[in-house]
Structure formats: structure tokens, C-alpha cells
Amino acid sequence: MLIAEYDYDTDIAVQREESLRIGIQQGFADGSYKKALETARLMKQANCEIPFIEKMTGLSKAEVEAIK
């Protein structure tokens, strides 16, 4: 039989750490996406072809075409 002591403070600390880690990962993902959009915008301004922009940024054709 496993008997474990529950420690509320430790539990809360672990939950906060996990939330922070998830938040940081989401922040990096959002930043990477915004950077890809900015790169695609600059490439469109430089008259690069859409398939090339898709390949270089990882964005879809629809995402590239939606950039003004």
C-alpha cells in the first residue's frame, strides 16, 4: 500500500511552474508565427512568388495571400 503525504503548498508550486512553462511555450509559438507573418509580408513586398514564401516561412497559401 502506498501512503503519500499531500502537501498543498508543494501542489500549488508545481501547478504554477507547469502553468509558467506552458505560458512560455505558447509565447514562443506566438512569436514565431508573428515573425513568419512579418517575413512573408516583406517577401511579398519584394515581389517573391507565393510558393517560395510558403516554403521559406512555413505558412499556408491562404495565410500568405491574406497578408496585405
PDB file of N, CA and C in Angstrom:
ATOM      1  N   MET A   1       0.843  -1.167   0.000  1.00  0.00           N
ATOM      2  CA  MET A   1       0.000   0.000   0.000  1.00  0.00           C
ATOM      3  C   MET A   1       0.894   1.238   0.000  1.00  0.00           C
ATOM      4  N   LEU A   2       0.541   2.191  -0.842  1.00  0.00           N
ATOM      5  CA  LEU A   2       1.314   3.417  -0.957  1.00  0.00           C
ATOM      6  C   LEU A   2       0.639   4.494  -0.118  1.00  0.00           C
ATOM      7  N   ILE A   3       1.402   5.052   0.768  1.00  0.00           N
ATOM      8  CA  ILE A   3       0.887   6.142   1.587  1.00  0.00           C
ATOM      9  C   ILE A   3       1.739   7.368   1.270  1.00  0.00           C
ATOM     10  N   ALA A   4       1.084   8.402   0.762  1.00  0.00           N
ATOM     11  CA  ALA A   4       1.807   9.614   0.399  1.00  0.00           C
ATOM     12  C   ALA A   4       1.196  10.785   1.146  1.00  0.00           C
ATOM     13  N   GLU A   5       2.046  11.677   1.530  1.00  0.00           N
ATOM     14  CA  GLU A   5       1.561  12.870   2.206  1.00  0.00           C
ATOM     15  C   GLU A   5       1.257  13.930   1.168  1.00  0.00           C
ATOM     16  N   TYR A   6       0.101  14.528   1.270  1.00  0.00           N
ATOM     17  CA  TYR A   6      -0.292  15.601   0.370  1.00  0.00           C
ATOM     18  C   TYR A   6       0.161  16.916   0.990  1.00  0.00           C
ATOM     19  N   ASP A   7       0.885  17.689   0.204  1.00  0.00           N
ATOM     20  CA  ASP A   7       1.350  18.980   0.668  1.00  0.00           C
ATOM     21  C   ASP A   7       0.766  20.043  -0.258  1.00  0.00           C
ATOM     22  N   TYR A   8      -0.162  20.824   0.253  1.00  0.00           N
ATOM     23  CA  TYR A   8      -0.866  21.835  -0.518  1.00  0.00           C
ATOM     24  C   TYR A   8       0.100  22.840  -1.139  1.00  0.00           C
ATOM     25  N   ASP A   9       1.047  23.319  -0.382  1.00  0.00           N
ATOM     26  CA  ASP A   9       1.994  24.314  -0.880  1.00  0.00           C
ATOM     27  C   ASP A   9       2.831  23.763  -2.043  1.00  0.00           C
ATOM     28  N   THR A  10       3.272  22.518  -1.917  1.00  0.00           N
ATOM     29  CA  THR A  10       4.033  21.891  -2.992  1.00  0.00           C
ATOM     30  C   THR A  10       3.162  21.717  -4.230  1.00  0.00           C
ATOM     31  N   ASP A  11       1.921  21.300  -4.027  1.00  0.00           N
ATOM     32  CA  ASP A  11       0.992  21.122  -5.129  1.00  0.00           C
ATOM     33  C   ASP A  11       0.784  22.438  -5.881  1.00  0.00           C
ATOM     34  N   ILE A  12       0.556  23.513  -5.176  1.00  0.00           N
ATOM     35  CA  ILE A  12       0.352  24.824  -5.791  1.00  0.00           C
ATOM     36  C   ILE A  12       1.615  25.270  -6.518  1.00  0.00           C
ATOM     37  N   ALA A  13       2.780  25.054  -5.934  1.00  0.00           N
ATOM     38  CA  ALA A  13       4.043  25.437  -6.567  1.00  0.00           C
ATOM     39  C   ALA A  13       4.250  24.679  -7.876  1.00  0.00           C
ATOM     40  N   VAL A  14       3.931  23.394  -7.874  1.00  0.00           N
ATOM     41  CA  VAL A  14       4.078  22.579  -9.086  1.00  0.00           C
ATOM     42  C   VAL A  14       3.105  23.062 -10.160  1.00  0.00           C
ATOM     43  N   GLN A  15       1.880  23.365  -9.785  1.00  0.00           N
ATOM     44  CA  GLN A  15       0.892  23.858 -10.746  1.00  0.00           C
ATOM     45  C   GLN A  15       1.322  25.201 -11.344  1.00  0.00           C
ATOM     46  N   ARG A  16       1.857  26.073 -10.517  1.00  0.00           N
ATOM     47  CA  ARG A  16       2.335  27.371 -11.013  1.00  0.00           C
ATOM     48  C   ARG A  16       3.492  27.186 -11.992  1.00  0.00           C
ATOM     49  N   GLU A  17       4.407  26.300 -11.652  1.00  0.00           N
ATOM     50  CA  GLU A  17       5.549  26.049 -12.528  1.00  0.00           C
ATOM     51  C   GLU A  17       5.089  25.490 -13.869  1.00  0.00           C
ATOM     52  N   GLU A  18       4.143  24.568 -13.856  1.00  0.00           N
ATOM     53  CA  GLU A  18       3.618  23.992 -15.094  1.00  0.00           C
ATOM     54  C   GLU A  18       2.905  25.063 -15.921  1.00  0.00           C
ATOM     55  N   SER A  19       2.139  25.925 -15.267  1.00  0.00           N
ATOM     56  CA  SER A  19       1.436  26.994 -15.967  1.00  0.00           C
ATOM     57  C   SER A  19       2.424  27.962 -16.602  1.00  0.00           C
ATOM     58  N   LEU A  20       3.472  28.286 -15.893  1.00  0.00           N
ATOM     59  CA  LEU A  20       4.500  29.177 -16.409  1.00  0.00           C
ATOM     60  C   LEU A  20       5.184  28.567 -17.623  1.00  0.00           C
ATOM     61  N   ARG A  21       5.519  27.295 -17.530  1.00  0.00           N
ATOM     62  CA  ARG A  21       6.182  26.607 -18.637  1.00  0.00           C
ATOM     63  C   ARG A  21       5.282  26.595 -19.871  1.00  0.00           C
ATOM     64  N   ILE A  22       4.006  26.309 -19.688  1.00  0.00           N
ATOM     65  CA  ILE A  22       3.060  26.307 -20.807  1.00  0.00           C
ATOM     66  C   ILE A  22       2.929  27.708 -21.392  1.00  0.00           C
ATOM     67  N   GLY A  23       2.881  28.712 -20.534  1.00  0.00           N
ATOM     68  CA  GLY A  23       2.786  30.089 -20.996  1.00  0.00           C
ATOM     69  C   GLY A  23       3.993  30.512 -21.805  1.00  0.00           C
ATOM     70  N   ILE A  24       5.161  30.115 -21.368  1.00  0.00           N
ATOM     71  CA  ILE A  24       6.388  30.446 -22.091  1.00  0.00           C
ATOM     72  C   ILE A  24       6.400  29.756 -23.455  1.00  0.00           C
ATOM     73  N   GLN A  25       6.016  28.484 -23.489  1.00  0.00           N
ATOM     74  CA  GLN A  25       5.969  27.761 -24.757  1.00  0.00           C
ATOM     75  C   GLN A  25       4.975  28.412 -25.716  1.00  0.00           C
ATOM     76  N   GLN A  26       3.818  28.806 -25.211  1.00  0.00           N
ATOM     77  CA  GLN A  26       2.817  29.469 -26.051  1.00  0.00           C
ATOM     78  C   GLN A  26       3.350  30.807 -26.552  1.00  0.00           C
ATOM     79  N   GLY A  27       4.062  31.520 -25.711  1.00  0.00           N
ATOM     80  CA  GLY A  27       4.654  32.791 -26.107  1.00  0.00           C
ATOM     81  C   GLY A  27       5.651  32.631 -27.232  1.00  0.00           C
ATOM     82  N   PHE A  28       6.489  31.602 -27.147  1.00  0.00           N
ATOM     83  CA  PHE A  28       7.449  31.345 -28.218  1.00  0.00           C
ATOM     84  C   PHE A  28       6.728  30.979 -29.511  1.00  0.00           C
ATOM     85  N   ALA A  29       5.684  30.166 -29.410  1.00  0.00           N
ATOM     86  CA  ALA A  29       4.927  29.772 -30.604  1.00  0.00           C
ATOM     87  C   ALA A  29       4.271  30.996 -31.248  1.00  0.00           C
ATOM     88  N   ASP A  30       3.669  31.850 -30.434  1.00  0.00           N
ATOM     89  CA  ASP A  30       3.041  33.067 -30.956  1.00  0.00           C
ATOM     90  C   ASP A  30       4.075  33.973 -31.611  1.00  0.00           C
ATOM     91  N   GLY A  31       5.212  34.117 -30.972  1.00  0.00           N
ATOM     92  CA  GLY A  31       6.274  34.952 -31.514  1.00  0.00           C
ATOM     93  C   GLY A  31       6.814  34.419 -32.832  1.00  0.00           C
ATOM     94  N   SER A  32       6.965  33.115 -32.915  1.00  0.00           N
ATOM     95  CA  SER A  32       7.448  32.501 -34.157  1.00  0.00           C
ATOM     96  C   SER A  32       6.466  32.718 -35.291  1.00  0.00           C
ATOM     97  N   TYR A  33       5.178  32.596 -34.996  1.00  0.00           N
ATOM     98  CA  TYR A  33       4.148  32.798 -36.006  1.00  0.00           C
ATOM     99  C   TYR A  33       4.138  34.251 -36.476  1.00  0.00           C
ATOM    100  N   LYS A  34       4.232  35.180 -35.538  1.00  0.00           N
ATOM    101  CA  LYS A  34       4.245  36.599 -35.905  1.00  0.00           C
ATOM    102  C   LYS A  34       5.476  36.919 -36.752  1.00  0.00           C
ATOM    103  N   LYS A  35       6.602  36.318 -36.419  1.00  0.00           N
ATOM    104  CA  LYS A  35       7.824  36.531 -37.190  1.00  0.00           C
ATOM    105  C   LYS A  35       7.658  35.978 -38.605  1.00  0.00           C
ATOM    106  N   ALA A  36       7.021  34.822 -38.742  1.00  0.00           N
ATOM    107  CA  ALA A  36       6.783  34.247 -40.067  1.00  0.00           C
ATOM    108  C   ALA A  36       5.876  35.157 -40.889  1.00  0.00           C
ATOM    109  N   LEU A  37       4.856  35.721 -40.260  1.00  0.00           N
ATOM    110  CA  LEU A  37       3.962  36.647 -40.957  1.00  0.00           C
ATOM    111  C   LEU A  37       4.709  37.894 -41.413  1.00  0.00           C
ATOM    112  N   GLU A  38       5.559  38.427 -40.554  1.00  0.00           N
ATOM    113  CA  GLU A  38       6.335  39.620 -40.898  1.00  0.00           C
ATOM    114  C   GLU A  38       7.301  39.320 -42.042  1.00  0.00           C
ATOM    115  N   THR A  39       7.945  38.169 -41.994  1.00  0.00           N
ATOM    116  CA  THR A  39       8.861  37.779 -43.063  1.00  0.00           C
ATOM    117  C   THR A  39       8.102  37.625 -44.378  1.00  0.00           C
ATOM    118  N   ALA A  40       6.931  36.998 -44.327  1.00  0.00           N
ATOM    119  CA  ALA A  40       6.115  36.824 -45.531  1.00  0.00           C
ATOM    120  C   ALA A  40       5.679  38.178 -46.084  1.00  0.00           C
ATOM    121  N   ARG A  41       5.332  39.104 -45.216  1.00  0.00           N
ATOM    122  CA  ARG A  41       4.921  40.439 -45.663  1.00  0.00           C
ATOM    123  C   ARG A  41       6.067  41.117 -46.413  1.00  0.00           C
ATOM    124  N   LEU A  42       7.258  41.036 -45.852  1.00  0.00           N
ATOM    125  CA  LEU A  42       8.421  41.635 -46.501  1.00  0.00           C
ATOM    126  C   LEU A  42       8.733  40.952 -47.836  1.00  0.00           C
ATOM    127  N   MET A  43       8.567  39.653 -47.870  1.00  0.00           N
ATOM    128  CA  MET A  43       8.826  38.911 -49.100  1.00  0.00           C
ATOM    129  C   MET A  43       7.804  39.274 -50.176  1.00  0.00           C
ATOM    130  N   LYS A  44       6.544  39.472 -49.771  1.00  0.00           N
ATOM    131  CA  LYS A  44       5.529  39.894 -50.741  1.00  0.00           C
ATOM    132  C   LYS A  44       5.857  41.279 -51.282  1.00  0.00           C
ATOM    133  N   GLN A  45       6.320  42.156 -50.413  1.00  0.00           N
ATOM    134  CA  GLN A  45       6.705  43.494 -50.859  1.00  0.00           C
ATOM    135  C   GLN A  45       7.876  43.441 -51.843  1.00  0.00           C
ATOM    136  N   ALA A  46       8.713  42.439 -51.695  1.00  0.00           N
ATOM    137  CA  ALA A  46       9.860  42.260 -52.585  1.00  0.00           C
ATOM    138  C   ALA A  46       9.476  41.455 -53.830  1.00  0.00           C
ATOM    139  N   ASN A  47       8.167  41.210 -53.998  1.00  0.00           N
ATOM    140  CA  ASN A  47       7.622  40.503 -55.164  1.00  0.00           C
ATOM    141  C   ASN A  47       8.101  39.055 -55.291  1.00  0.00           C
ATOM    142  N   CYS A  48       8.311  38.393 -54.162  1.00  0.00           N
ATOM    143  CA  CYS A  48       8.632  36.967 -54.192  1.00  0.00           C
ATOM    144  C   CYS A  48       7.359  36.190 -54.532  1.00  0.00           C
ATOM    145  N   GLU A  49       7.524  35.052 -55.151  1.00  0.00           N
ATOM    146  CA  GLU A  49       6.375  34.233 -55.525  1.00  0.00           C
ATOM    147  C   GLU A  49       5.804  33.534 -54.291  1.00  0.00           C
ATOM    148  N   ILE A  50       4.492  33.332 -54.297  1.00  0.00           N
ATOM    149  CA  ILE A  50       3.803  32.761 -53.136  1.00  0.00           C
ATOM    150  C   ILE A  50       4.334  31.374 -52.770  1.00  0.00           C
ATOM    151  N   PRO A  51       4.550  30.456 -53.727  1.00  0.00           N
ATOM    152  CA  PRO A  51       5.093  29.145 -53.325  1.00  0.00           C
ATOM    153  C   PRO A  51       6.447  29.254 -52.607  1.00  0.00           C
ATOM    154  N   PHE A  52       7.275  30.193 -53.039  1.00  0.00           N
ATOM    155  CA  PHE A  52       8.574  30.407 -52.391  1.00  0.00           C
ATOM    156  C   PHE A  52       8.374  30.926 -50.970  1.00  0.00           C
ATOM    157  N   ILE A  53       7.447  31.859 -50.800  1.00  0.00           N
ATOM    158  CA  ILE A  53       7.164  32.413 -49.468  1.00  0.00           C
ATOM    159  C   ILE A  53       6.650  31.316 -48.546  1.00  0.00           C
ATOM    160  N   GLU A  54       5.753  30.478 -49.072  1.00  0.00           N
ATOM    161  CA  GLU A  54       5.230  29.357 -48.281  1.00  0.00           C
ATOM    162  C   GLU A  54       6.369  28.461 -47.800  1.00  0.00           C
ATOM    163  N   LYS A  55       7.266  28.141 -48.714  1.00  0.00           N
ATOM    164  CA  LYS A  55       8.378  27.241 -48.390  1.00  0.00           C
ATOM    165  C   LYS A  55       9.308  27.848 -47.345  1.00  0.00           C
ATOM    166  N   MET A  56       9.601  29.126 -47.463  1.00  0.00           N
ATOM    167  CA  MET A  56      10.552  29.780 -46.567  1.00  0.00           C
ATOM    168  C   MET A  56       9.963  30.072 -45.185  1.00  0.00           C
ATOM    169  N   THR A  57       8.656  30.311 -45.098  1.00  0.00           N
ATOM    170  CA  THR A  57       8.053  30.703 -43.822  1.00  0.00           C
ATOM    171  C   THR A  57       7.272  29.585 -43.136  1.00  0.00           C
ATOM    172  N   GLY A  58       6.860  28.574 -43.895  1.00  0.00           N
ATOM    173  CA  GLY A  58       6.040  27.515 -43.321  1.00  0.00           C
ATOM    174  C   GLY A  58       4.574  27.887 -43.226  1.00  0.00           C
ATOM    175  N   LEU A  59       4.213  29.031 -43.783  1.00  0.00           N
ATOM    176  CA  LEU A  59       2.820  29.456 -43.773  1.00  0.00           C
ATOM    177  C   LEU A  59       2.066  28.787 -44.927  1.00  0.00           C
ATOM    178  N   SER A  60       0.744  28.729 -44.809  1.00  0.00           N
ATOM    179  CA  SER A  60      -0.070  28.168 -45.879  1.00  0.00           C
ATOM    180  C   SER A  60      -0.294  29.208 -46.965  1.00  0.00           C
ATOM    181  N   LYS A  61      -0.763  28.737 -48.106  1.00  0.00           N
ATOM    182  CA  LYS A  61      -1.043  29.643 -49.223  1.00  0.00           C
ATOM    183  C   LYS A  61      -2.085  30.675 -48.811  1.00  0.00           C
ATOM    184  N   ALA A  62      -3.118  30.241 -48.103  1.00  0.00           N
ATOM    185  CA  ALA A  62      -4.178  31.152 -47.662  1.00  0.00           C
ATOM    186  C   ALA A  62      -3.627  32.225 -46.719  1.00  0.00           C
ATOM    187  N   GLU A  63      -2.737  31.813 -45.819  1.00  0.00           N
ATOM    188  CA  GLU A  63      -2.145  32.777 -44.875  1.00  0.00           C
ATOM    189  C   GLU A  63      -1.300  33.812 -45.623  1.00  0.00           C
ATOM    190  N   VAL A  64      -0.541  33.348 -46.607  1.00  0.00           N
ATOM    191  CA  VAL A  64       0.305  34.254 -47.376  1.00  0.00           C
ATOM    192  C   VAL A  64      -0.546  35.211 -48.203  1.00  0.00           C
ATOM    193  N   GLU A  65      -1.581  34.681 -48.845  1.00  0.00           N
ATOM    194  CA  GLU A  65      -2.444  35.510 -49.671  1.00  0.00           C
ATOM    195  C   GLU A  65      -3.216  36.542 -48.845  1.00  0.00           C
ATOM    196  N   ALA A  66      -3.482  36.239 -47.586  1.00  0.00           N
ATOM    197  CA  ALA A  66      -4.248  37.153 -46.730  1.00  0.00           C
ATOM    198  C   ALA A  66      -3.422  38.343 -46.250  1.00  0.00           C
ATOM    199  N   ILE A  67      -2.110  38.247 -46.405  1.00  0.00           N
ATOM    200  CA  ILE A  67      -1.232  39.339 -45.954  1.00  0.00           C
ATOM    201  C   ILE A  67      -1.332  40.485 -46.928  1.00  0.00           C
ATOM    202  N   LYS A  68      -1.488  41.680 -46.385  1.00  0.00           N
ATOM    203  CA  LYS A  68      -1.614  42.866 -47.246  1.00  0.00           C
ATOM    204  C   LYS A  68      -0.316  43.607 -47.329  1.00  0.00           C
TER     205      LYS A  68
END
